Amino acid sequence: MTAHPPVGGSWLALPFAAAGLAFGWGYFGVLRRGVAAYVASGGLRPTVGRLIARLAAAAVFFTFAVHWGAGPLLAA
């Protein structure tokens, strides 16, 4: 069995770490606003859209990161 080198290098870990930090701040900021909206309105309907958008954004972000290899994915 042949080992294949990763697509990305270790030089990609720093940009992906910065992108992961920014994405995490945004992700949890939207989560905080969603919880506040849920508590204020008492209804589930306004928060479902935020939930779906938040999970879709995380899936897209980590799918993009996984294409560059394990190092950038772990850094993100």
PDB file of N, CA and C in Angstrom:
ATOM      1  N   MET A   1       0.841  -1.164   0.000  1.00  0.00           N
ATOM      2  CA  MET A   1       0.000   0.000   0.000  1.00  0.00           C
ATOM      3  C   MET A   1       0.890   1.231   0.000  1.00  0.00           C
ATOM      4  N   THR A   2       0.535   2.203  -0.780  1.00  0.00           N
ATOM      5  CA  THR A   2       1.341   3.410  -0.922  1.00  0.00           C
ATOM      6  C   THR A   2       0.731   4.539  -0.114  1.00  0.00           C
ATOM      7  N   ALA A   3       1.574   5.260   0.582  1.00  0.00           N
ATOM      8  CA  ALA A   3       1.091   6.410   1.339  1.00  0.00           C
ATOM      9  C   ALA A   3       1.069   7.630   0.426  1.00  0.00           C
ATOM     10  N   HIS A   4      -0.022   8.342   0.440  1.00  0.00           N
ATOM     11  CA  HIS A   4      -0.156   9.540  -0.378  1.00  0.00           C
ATOM     12  C   HIS A   4       0.083  10.769   0.495  1.00  0.00           C
ATOM     13  N   PRO A   5       0.875  11.712   0.030  1.00  0.00           N
ATOM     14  CA  PRO A   5       1.092  12.920   0.818  1.00  0.00           C
ATOM     15  C   PRO A   5      -0.180  13.759   0.864  1.00  0.00           C
ATOM     16  N   PRO A   6      -0.386  14.497   1.930  1.00  0.00           N
ATOM     17  CA  PRO A   6      -1.586  15.328   2.017  1.00  0.00           C
ATOM     18  C   PRO A   6      -1.555  16.419   0.947  1.00  0.00           C
ATOM     19  N   VAL A   7      -2.735  16.872   0.573  1.00  0.00           N
ATOM     20  CA  VAL A   7      -2.848  17.911  -0.454  1.00  0.00           C
ATOM     21  C   VAL A   7      -2.242  19.207   0.040  1.00  0.00           C
ATOM     22  N   GLY A   8      -2.601  19.604   1.229  1.00  0.00           N
ATOM     23  CA  GLY A   8      -2.082  20.843   1.799  1.00  0.00           C
ATOM     24  C   GLY A   8      -0.805  20.590   2.574  1.00  0.00           C
ATOM     25  N   GLY A   9      -0.186  21.637   2.996  1.00  0.00           N
ATOM     26  CA  GLY A   9       1.006  21.509   3.800  1.00  0.00           C
ATOM     27  C   GLY A   9       0.768  22.053   5.188  1.00  0.00           C
ATOM     28  N   SER A  10       1.809  22.031   5.977  1.00  0.00           N
ATOM     29  CA  SER A  10       1.667  22.564   7.327  1.00  0.00           C
ATOM     30  C   SER A  10       1.528  24.081   7.308  1.00  0.00           C
ATOM     31  N   TRP A  11       1.900  24.703   6.197  1.00  0.00           N
ATOM     32  CA  TRP A  11       1.777  26.153   6.097  1.00  0.00           C
ATOM     33  C   TRP A  11       0.312  26.589   6.064  1.00  0.00           C
ATOM     34  N   LEU A  12      -0.604  25.682   5.772  1.00  0.00           N
ATOM     35  CA  LEU A  12      -2.028  26.022   5.729  1.00  0.00           C
ATOM     36  C   LEU A  12      -2.681  25.999   7.110  1.00  0.00           C
ATOM     37  N   ALA A  13      -2.006  25.483   8.105  1.00  0.00           N
ATOM     38  CA  ALA A  13      -2.616  25.366   9.427  1.00  0.00           C
ATOM     39  C   ALA A  13      -2.912  26.735  10.039  1.00  0.00           C
ATOM     40  N   LEU A  14      -2.018  27.677   9.885  1.00  0.00           N
ATOM     41  CA  LEU A  14      -2.235  29.004  10.481  1.00  0.00           C
ATOM     42  C   LEU A  14      -3.416  29.740   9.855  1.00  0.00           C
ATOM     43  N   PRO A  15      -3.533  29.823   8.524  1.00  0.00           N
ATOM     44  CA  PRO A  15      -4.721  30.480   7.972  1.00  0.00           C
ATOM     45  C   PRO A  15      -6.028  29.781   8.330  1.00  0.00           C
ATOM     46  N   PHE A  16      -5.998  28.454   8.374  1.00  0.00           N
ATOM     47  CA  PHE A  16      -7.222  27.736   8.741  1.00  0.00           C
ATOM     48  C   PHE A  16      -7.537  27.898  10.228  1.00  0.00           C
ATOM     49  N   ALA A  17      -6.529  28.046  11.059  1.00  0.00           N
ATOM     50  CA  ALA A  17      -6.779  28.313  12.476  1.00  0.00           C
ATOM     51  C   ALA A  17      -7.428  29.680  12.649  1.00  0.00           C
ATOM     52  N   ALA A  18      -6.947  30.668  11.908  1.00  0.00           N
ATOM     53  CA  ALA A  18      -7.552  32.002  11.969  1.00  0.00           C
ATOM     54  C   ALA A  18      -8.978  31.974  11.426  1.00  0.00           C
ATOM     55  N   ALA A  19      -9.189  31.246  10.330  1.00  0.00           N
ATOM     56  CA  ALA A  19     -10.534  31.134   9.773  1.00  0.00           C
ATOM     57  C   ALA A  19     -11.462  30.393  10.730  1.00  0.00           C
ATOM     58  N   GLY A  20     -10.953  29.374  11.390  1.00  0.00           N
ATOM     59  CA  GLY A  20     -11.756  28.642  12.367  1.00  0.00           C
ATOM     60  C   GLY A  20     -12.126  29.491  13.567  1.00  0.00           C
ATOM     61  N   LEU A  21     -11.200  30.348  13.988  1.00  0.00           N
ATOM     62  CA  LEU A  21     -11.493  31.251  15.094  1.00  0.00           C
ATOM     63  C   LEU A  21     -12.589  32.240  14.707  1.00  0.00           C
ATOM     64  N   ALA A  22     -12.458  32.820  13.520  1.00  0.00           N
ATOM     65  CA  ALA A  22     -13.476  33.763  13.050  1.00  0.00           C
ATOM     66  C   ALA A  22     -14.817  33.066  12.856  1.00  0.00           C
ATOM     67  N   PHE A  23     -14.790  31.864  12.288  1.00  0.00           N
ATOM     68  CA  PHE A  23     -16.033  31.122  12.092  1.00  0.00           C
ATOM     69  C   PHE A  23     -16.673  30.770  13.435  1.00  0.00           C
ATOM     70  N   GLY A  24     -15.867  30.378  14.402  1.00  0.00           N
ATOM     71  CA  GLY A  24     -16.398  30.042  15.726  1.00  0.00           C
ATOM     72  C   GLY A  24     -17.034  31.226  16.411  1.00  0.00           C
ATOM     73  N   TRP A  25     -16.405  32.397  16.297  1.00  0.00           N
ATOM     74  CA  TRP A  25     -17.010  33.607  16.880  1.00  0.00           C
ATOM     75  C   TRP A  25     -18.363  33.894  16.236  1.00  0.00           C
ATOM     76  N   GLY A  26     -18.415  33.794  14.923  1.00  0.00           N
ATOM     77  CA  GLY A  26     -19.683  34.021  14.233  1.00  0.00           C
ATOM     78  C   GLY A  26     -20.717  32.969  14.573  1.00  0.00           C
ATOM     79  N   TYR A  27     -20.300  31.718  14.612  1.00  0.00           N
ATOM     80  CA  TYR A  27     -21.208  30.610  14.905  1.00  0.00           C
ATOM     81  C   TYR A  27     -21.850  30.784  16.281  1.00  0.00           C
ATOM     82  N   PHE A  28     -21.023  31.030  17.281  1.00  0.00           N
ATOM     83  CA  PHE A  28     -21.575  31.153  18.630  1.00  0.00           C
ATOM     84  C   PHE A  28     -22.277  32.483  18.844  1.00  0.00           C
ATOM     85  N   GLY A  29     -21.928  33.509  18.062  1.00  0.00           N
ATOM     86  CA  GLY A  29     -22.685  34.761  18.115  1.00  0.00           C
ATOM     87  C   GLY A  29     -24.103  34.574  17.594  1.00  0.00           C
ATOM     88  N   VAL A  30     -24.232  33.848  16.488  1.00  0.00           N
ATOM     89  CA  VAL A  30     -25.563  33.549  15.947  1.00  0.00           C
ATOM     90  C   VAL A  30     -26.332  32.642  16.907  1.00  0.00           C
ATOM     91  N   LEU A  31     -25.643  31.708  17.541  1.00  0.00           N
ATOM     92  CA  LEU A  31     -26.288  30.842  18.528  1.00  0.00           C
ATOM     93  C   LEU A  31     -26.811  31.657  19.704  1.00  0.00           C
ATOM     94  N   ARG A  32     -26.006  32.609  20.182  1.00  0.00           N
ATOM     95  CA  ARG A  32     -26.434  33.456  21.301  1.00  0.00           C
ATOM     96  C   ARG A  32     -27.672  34.266  20.927  1.00  0.00           C
ATOM     97  N   ARG A  33     -27.679  34.860  19.706  1.00  0.00           N
ATOM     98  CA  ARG A  33     -28.841  35.629  19.271  1.00  0.00           C
ATOM     99  C   ARG A  33     -30.060  34.740  19.083  1.00  0.00           C
ATOM    100  N   GLY A  34     -29.840  33.515  18.629  1.00  0.00           N
ATOM    101  CA  GLY A  34     -30.957  32.587  18.464  1.00  0.00           C
ATOM    102  C   GLY A  34     -31.585  32.196  19.784  1.00  0.00           C
ATOM    103  N   VAL A  35     -30.758  31.963  20.780  1.00  0.00           N
ATOM    104  CA  VAL A  35     -31.282  31.626  22.107  1.00  0.00           C
ATOM    105  C   VAL A  35     -32.026  32.818  22.700  1.00  0.00           C
ATOM    106  N   ALA A  36     -31.477  34.023  22.528  1.00  0.00           N
ATOM    107  CA  ALA A  36     -32.154  35.219  23.028  1.00  0.00           C
ATOM    108  C   ALA A  36     -33.495  35.415  22.330  1.00  0.00           C
ATOM    109  N   ALA A  37     -33.558  35.160  21.026  1.00  0.00           N
ATOM    110  CA  ALA A  37     -34.823  35.291  20.293  1.00  0.00           C
ATOM    111  C   ALA A  37     -35.821  34.239  20.742  1.00  0.00           C
ATOM    112  N   TYR A  38     -35.343  33.039  21.018  1.00  0.00           N
ATOM    113  CA  TYR A  38     -36.232  31.976  21.483  1.00  0.00           C
ATOM    114  C   TYR A  38     -36.807  32.311  22.851  1.00  0.00           C
ATOM    115  N   VAL A  39     -35.978  32.829  23.740  1.00  0.00           N
ATOM    116  CA  VAL A  39     -36.447  33.167  25.084  1.00  0.00           C
ATOM    117  C   VAL A  39     -37.420  34.341  25.024  1.00  0.00           C
ATOM    118  N   ALA A  40     -37.133  35.314  24.162  1.00  0.00           N
ATOM    119  CA  ALA A  40     -37.989  36.503  24.076  1.00  0.00           C
ATOM    120  C   ALA A  40     -39.344  36.177  23.458  1.00  0.00           C
ATOM    121  N   SER A  41     -39.355  35.369  22.405  1.00  0.00           N
ATOM    122  CA  SER A  41     -40.619  35.112  21.713  1.00  0.00           C
ATOM    123  C   SER A  41     -41.341  33.885  22.248  1.00  0.00           C
ATOM    124  N   GLY A  42     -40.605  32.952  22.777  1.00  0.00           N
ATOM    125  CA  GLY A  42     -41.214  31.734  23.288  1.00  0.00           C
ATOM    126  C   GLY A  42     -41.609  30.753  22.199  1.00  0.00           C
ATOM    127  N   GLY A  43     -41.342  31.107  20.959  1.00  0.00           N
ATOM    128  CA  GLY A  43     -41.715  30.224  19.857  1.00  0.00           C
ATOM    129  C   GLY A  43     -40.499  29.592  19.210  1.00  0.00           C
ATOM    130  N   LEU A  44     -40.720  28.467  18.600  1.00  0.00           N
ATOM    131  CA  LEU A  44     -39.630  27.735  17.969  1.00  0.00           C
ATOM    132  C   LEU A  44     -39.411  28.164  16.520  1.00  0.00           C
ATOM    133  N   ARG A  45     -40.445  28.702  15.879  1.00  0.00           N
ATOM    134  CA  ARG A  45     -40.381  29.012  14.457  1.00  0.00           C
ATOM    135  C   ARG A  45     -39.243  29.966  14.076  1.00  0.00           C
ATOM    136  N   PRO A  46     -39.013  31.078  14.773  1.00  0.00           N
ATOM    137  CA  PRO A  46     -37.929  31.981  14.351  1.00  0.00           C
ATOM    138  C   PRO A  46     -36.539  31.376  14.508  1.00  0.00           C
ATOM    139  N   THR A  47     -36.395  30.423  15.397  1.00  0.00           N
ATOM    140  CA  THR A  47     -35.061  29.873  15.646  1.00  0.00           C
ATOM    141  C   THR A  47     -34.705  28.708  14.726  1.00  0.00           C
ATOM    142  N   VAL A  48     -35.691  28.117  14.068  1.00  0.00           N
ATOM    143  CA  VAL A  48     -35.416  26.971  13.199  1.00  0.00           C
ATOM    144  C   VAL A  48     -34.583  27.397  12.001  1.00  0.00           C
ATOM    145  N   GLY A  49     -34.878  28.554  11.430  1.00  0.00           N
ATOM    146  CA  GLY A  49     -34.095  29.050  10.300  1.00  0.00           C
ATOM    147  C   GLY A  49     -32.653  29.303  10.678  1.00  0.00           C
ATOM    148  N   ARG A  50     -32.440  29.881  11.857  1.00  0.00           N
ATOM    149  CA  ARG A  50     -31.072  30.111  12.329  1.00  0.00           C
ATOM    150  C   ARG A  50     -30.349  28.799  12.579  1.00  0.00           C
ATOM    151  N   LEU A  51     -31.052  27.827  13.105  1.00  0.00           N
ATOM    152  CA  LEU A  51     -30.452  26.514  13.361  1.00  0.00           C
ATOM    153  C   LEU A  51     -29.998  25.858  12.062  1.00  0.00           C
ATOM    154  N   ILE A  52     -30.862  25.858  11.068  1.00  0.00           N
ATOM    155  CA  ILE A  52     -30.525  25.233   9.787  1.00  0.00           C
ATOM    156  C   ILE A  52     -29.370  25.971   9.118  1.00  0.00           C
ATOM    157  N   ALA A  53     -29.410  27.305   9.144  1.00  0.00           N
ATOM    158  CA  ALA A  53     -28.333  28.094   8.533  1.00  0.00           C
ATOM    159  C   ALA A  53     -27.010  27.868   9.252  1.00  0.00           C
ATOM    160  N   ARG A  54     -27.050  27.794  10.576  1.00  0.00           N
ATOM    161  CA  ARG A  54     -25.829  27.578  11.353  1.00  0.00           C
ATOM    162  C   ARG A  54     -25.207  26.217  11.060  1.00  0.00           C
ATOM    163  N   LEU A  55     -26.014  25.185  11.022  1.00  0.00           N
ATOM    164  CA  LEU A  55     -25.500  23.848  10.744  1.00  0.00           C
ATOM    165  C   LEU A  55     -25.011  23.720   9.299  1.00  0.00           C
ATOM    166  N   ALA A  56     -25.712  24.353   8.365  1.00  0.00           N
ATOM    167  CA  ALA A  56     -25.276  24.310   6.965  1.00  0.00           C
ATOM    168  C   ALA A  56     -23.948  25.036   6.796  1.00  0.00           C
ATOM    169  N   ALA A  57     -23.787  26.175   7.463  1.00  0.00           N
ATOM    170  CA  ALA A  57     -22.527  26.915   7.374  1.00  0.00           C
ATOM    171  C   ALA A  57     -21.380  26.102   7.968  1.00  0.00           C
ATOM    172  N   ALA A  58     -21.617  25.418   9.074  1.00  0.00           N
ATOM    173  CA  ALA A  58     -20.567  24.582   9.668  1.00  0.00           C
ATOM    174  C   ALA A  58     -20.214  23.428   8.737  1.00  0.00           C
ATOM    175  N   ALA A  59     -21.209  22.817   8.115  1.00  0.00           N
ATOM    176  CA  ALA A  59     -20.941  21.717   7.190  1.00  0.00           C
ATOM    177  C   ALA A  59     -20.120  22.193   5.995  1.00  0.00           C
ATOM    178  N   VAL A  60     -20.459  23.345   5.450  1.00  0.00           N
ATOM    179  CA  VAL A  60     -19.717  23.884   4.305  1.00  0.00           C
ATOM    180  C   VAL A  60     -18.293  24.236   4.714  1.00  0.00           C
ATOM    181  N   PHE A  61     -18.133  24.882   5.866  1.00  0.00           N
ATOM    182  CA  PHE A  61     -16.807  25.286   6.316  1.00  0.00           C
ATOM    183  C   PHE A  61     -15.894  24.085   6.538  1.00  0.00           C
ATOM    184  N   PHE A  62     -16.386  23.076   7.243  1.00  0.00           N
ATOM    185  CA  PHE A  62     -15.547  21.920   7.526  1.00  0.00           C
ATOM    186  C   PHE A  62     -15.362  21.026   6.300  1.00  0.00           C
ATOM    187  N   THR A  63     -16.322  21.014   5.383  1.00  0.00           N
ATOM    188  CA  THR A  63     -16.129  20.290   4.132  1.00  0.00           C
ATOM    189  C   THR A  63     -15.015  20.935   3.319  1.00  0.00           C
ATOM    190  N   PHE A  64     -14.991  22.258   3.287  1.00  0.00           N
ATOM    191  CA  PHE A  64     -13.911  22.968   2.598  1.00  0.00           C
ATOM    192  C   PHE A  64     -12.568  22.676   3.258  1.00  0.00           C
ATOM    193  N   ALA A  65     -12.534  22.675   4.578  1.00  0.00           N
ATOM    194  CA  ALA A  65     -11.282  22.440   5.297  1.00  0.00           C
ATOM    195  C   ALA A  65     -10.771  21.020   5.107  1.00  0.00           C
ATOM    196  N   VAL A  66     -11.661  20.048   5.032  1.00  0.00           N
ATOM    197  CA  VAL A  66     -11.225  18.656   4.910  1.00  0.00           C
ATOM    198  C   VAL A  66     -10.571  18.393   3.554  1.00  0.00           C
ATOM    199  N   HIS A  67     -10.891  19.165   2.545  1.00  0.00           N
ATOM    200  CA  HIS A  67     -10.275  18.986   1.239  1.00  0.00           C
ATOM    201  C   HIS A  67      -8.814  19.383   1.223  1.00  0.00           C
ATOM    202  N   TRP A  68      -8.369  20.124   2.215  1.00  0.00           N
ATOM    203  CA  TRP A  68      -6.963  20.552   2.280  1.00  0.00           C
ATOM    204  C   TRP A  68      -6.116  19.631   3.124  1.00  0.00           C
ATOM    205  N   GLY A  69      -6.726  18.662   3.797  1.00  0.00           N
ATOM    206  CA  GLY A  69      -5.953  17.697   4.562  1.00  0.00           C
ATOM    207  C   GLY A  69      -6.282  17.731   6.043  1.00  0.00           C
ATOM    208  N   ALA A  70      -5.606  16.852   6.767  1.00  0.00           N
ATOM    209  CA  ALA A  70      -5.885  16.700   8.192  1.00  0.00           C
ATOM    210  C   ALA A  70      -5.375  17.890   9.008  1.00  0.00           C
ATOM    211  N   GLY A  71      -4.213  18.412   8.667  1.00  0.00           N
ATOM    212  CA  GLY A  71      -3.653  19.531   9.429  1.00  0.00           C
ATOM    213  C   GLY A  71      -4.559  20.762   9.424  1.00  0.00           C
ATOM    214  N   PRO A  72      -4.957  21.249   8.248  1.00  0.00           N
ATOM    215  CA  PRO A  72      -5.864  22.390   8.226  1.00  0.00           C
ATOM    216  C   PRO A  72      -7.223  22.103   8.866  1.00  0.00           C
ATOM    217  N   LEU A  73      -7.708  20.872   8.702  1.00  0.00           N
ATOM    218  CA  LEU A  73      -8.993  20.525   9.319  1.00  0.00           C
ATOM    219  C   LEU A  73      -8.891  20.584  10.831  1.00  0.00           C
ATOM    220  N   LEU A  74      -7.832  20.017  11.394  1.00  0.00           N
ATOM    221  CA  LEU A  74      -7.655  20.055  12.846  1.00  0.00           C
ATOM    222  C   LEU A  74      -7.405  21.468  13.352  1.00  0.00           C
ATOM    223  N   ALA A  75      -6.719  22.276  12.559  1.00  0.00           N
ATOM    224  CA  ALA A  75      -6.472  23.657  12.967  1.00  0.00           C
ATOM    225  C   ALA A  75      -7.756  24.475  12.940  1.00  0.00           C
ATOM    226  N   ALA A  76      -8.635  24.164  11.989  1.00  0.00           N
ATOM    227  CA  ALA A  76      -9.890  24.901  11.889  1.00  0.00           C
ATOM    228  C   ALA A  76     -10.786  24.563  13.060  1.00  0.00           C
TER     229      ALA A  76
END
